[in-house]
Amino acid sequence: MSTISFTAGRLLCRPIRKGLERMKFQGLDIQWMESGGLIEREFTVKGADSQLRIVKKAIEAWAVENNL
């Protein structure tokens, strides 16, 4: 199992949470956790390398779509 971590501002946390939950529901074998923070939070996603590549691509595509 491998992990990826990234930081997101507080206003972006809800869409990221929903996206990660959607990916799990669709069958990705991942686990994730979110750190607490007032201004920004760190997300850590754990899973197989192939699953993490899918997560990373989805997050990058979402960021591009939303001009982030």
C-alpha atoms as a PDB file:
ATOM      1  CA  MET A   1       0.000   0.000   0.000  1.00  0.00           C
ATOM      2  CA  SER A   2       1.144   3.504  -0.796  1.00  0.00           C
ATOM      3  CA  THR A   3      -0.087   6.927   0.233  1.00  0.00           C
ATOM      4  CA  ILE A   4      -0.476  10.341  -1.315  1.00  0.00           C
ATOM      5  CA  SER A   5      -1.039  13.545   0.629  1.00  0.00           C
ATOM      6  CA  PHE A   6      -2.193  16.977  -0.434  1.00  0.00           C
ATOM      7  CA  THR A   7      -3.336  20.164   1.249  1.00  0.00           C
ATOM      8  CA  ALA A   8      -6.580  21.945   0.462  1.00  0.00           C
ATOM      9  CA  GLY A   9      -8.082  25.194   1.640  1.00  0.00           C
ATOM     10  CA  ARG A  10     -11.090  24.989   3.924  1.00  0.00           C
ATOM     11  CA  LEU A  11     -13.604  25.928   1.208  1.00  0.00           C
ATOM     12  CA  LEU A  12     -12.446  23.077  -1.032  1.00  0.00           C
ATOM     13  CA  CYS A  13     -12.713  20.343   1.596  1.00  0.00           C
ATOM     14  CA  ARG A  14     -16.373  19.421   1.077  1.00  0.00           C
ATOM     15  CA  PRO A  15     -16.063  18.841  -2.705  1.00  0.00           C
ATOM     16  CA  ILE A  16     -12.883  16.825  -2.153  1.00  0.00           C
ATOM     17  CA  ARG A  17     -14.573  14.705   0.536  1.00  0.00           C
ATOM     18  CA  LYS A  18     -17.535  14.045  -1.754  1.00  0.00           C
ATOM     19  CA  GLY A  19     -15.226  13.123  -4.629  1.00  0.00           C
ATOM     20  CA  LEU A  20     -13.221  10.681  -2.530  1.00  0.00           C
ATOM     21  CA  GLU A  21     -16.395   9.073  -1.190  1.00  0.00           C
ATOM     22  CA  ARG A  22     -17.772   8.806  -4.738  1.00  0.00           C
ATOM     23  CA  MET A  23     -14.580   7.053  -5.878  1.00  0.00           C
ATOM     24  CA  LYS A  24     -14.863   4.578  -2.998  1.00  0.00           C
ATOM     25  CA  PHE A  25     -18.526   3.946  -3.838  1.00  0.00           C
ATOM     26  CA  GLN A  26     -17.612   3.306  -7.473  1.00  0.00           C
ATOM     27  CA  GLY A  27     -15.263   0.527  -6.389  1.00  0.00           C
ATOM     28  CA  LEU A  28     -11.845   2.033  -5.747  1.00  0.00           C
ATOM     29  CA  ASP A  29     -10.134   0.264  -2.861  1.00  0.00           C
ATOM     30  CA  ILE A  30      -8.879   3.358  -1.032  1.00  0.00           C
ATOM     31  CA  GLN A  31      -8.938   4.714   2.474  1.00  0.00           C
ATOM     32  CA  TRP A  32      -8.577   8.385   3.256  1.00  0.00           C
ATOM     33  CA  MET A  33      -8.359  10.690   6.213  1.00  0.00           C
ATOM     34  CA  GLU A  34      -8.519  14.427   6.673  1.00  0.00           C
ATOM     35  CA  SER A  35      -6.545  16.399   9.220  1.00  0.00           C
ATOM     36  CA  GLY A  36      -8.142  19.155  11.238  1.00  0.00           C
ATOM     37  CA  GLY A  37      -7.273  22.750  10.557  1.00  0.00           C
ATOM     38  CA  LEU A  38      -8.857  26.161  10.660  1.00  0.00           C
ATOM     39  CA  ILE A  39      -7.617  27.506   7.311  1.00  0.00           C
ATOM     40  CA  GLU A  40      -6.426  24.431   5.435  1.00  0.00           C
ATOM     41  CA  ARG A  41      -6.516  20.677   5.814  1.00  0.00           C
ATOM     42  CA  GLU A  42      -4.320  17.835   4.696  1.00  0.00           C
ATOM     43  CA  PHE A  43      -5.831  14.811   2.988  1.00  0.00           C
ATOM     44  CA  THR A  44      -3.994  11.488   3.041  1.00  0.00           C
ATOM     45  CA  VAL A  45      -5.184   8.743   0.716  1.00  0.00           C
ATOM     46  CA  LYS A  46      -3.969   5.145   1.081  1.00  0.00           C
ATOM     47  CA  GLY A  47      -4.301   2.364  -1.466  1.00  0.00           C
ATOM     48  CA  ALA A  48      -2.593   0.399  -4.213  1.00  0.00           C
ATOM     49  CA  ASP A  49      -0.442   2.347  -6.661  1.00  0.00           C
ATOM     50  CA  SER A  50      -2.907   1.790  -9.499  1.00  0.00           C
ATOM     51  CA  GLN A  51      -5.791   3.107  -7.370  1.00  0.00           C
ATOM     52  CA  LEU A  52      -3.799   6.163  -6.250  1.00  0.00           C
ATOM     53  CA  ARG A  53      -2.955   7.047  -9.854  1.00  0.00           C
ATOM     54  CA  ILE A  54      -6.698   7.173 -10.585  1.00  0.00           C
ATOM     55  CA  VAL A  55      -7.308   9.386  -7.531  1.00  0.00           C
ATOM     56  CA  LYS A  56      -4.444  11.719  -8.449  1.00  0.00           C
ATOM     57  CA  LYS A  57      -5.649  12.098 -12.044  1.00  0.00           C
ATOM     58  CA  ALA A  58      -9.222  12.765 -10.887  1.00  0.00           C
ATOM     59  CA  ILE A  59      -8.113  15.451  -8.426  1.00  0.00           C
ATOM     60  CA  GLU A  60      -5.860  17.100 -11.007  1.00  0.00           C
ATOM     61  CA  ALA A  61      -8.673  17.096 -13.595  1.00  0.00           C
ATOM     62  CA  TRP A  62     -11.100  18.552 -11.046  1.00  0.00           C
ATOM     63  CA  ALA A  63      -8.599  21.322 -10.211  1.00  0.00           C
ATOM     64  CA  VAL A  64      -8.152  22.201 -13.902  1.00  0.00           C
ATOM     65  CA  GLU A  65     -11.936  22.250 -14.477  1.00  0.00           C
ATOM     66  CA  ASN A  66     -12.367  24.656 -11.583  1.00  0.00           C
ATOM     67  CA  ASN A  67      -9.385  26.880 -12.443  1.00  0.00           C
ATOM     68  CA  LEU A  68      -7.566  26.034  -9.223  1.00  0.00           C
END
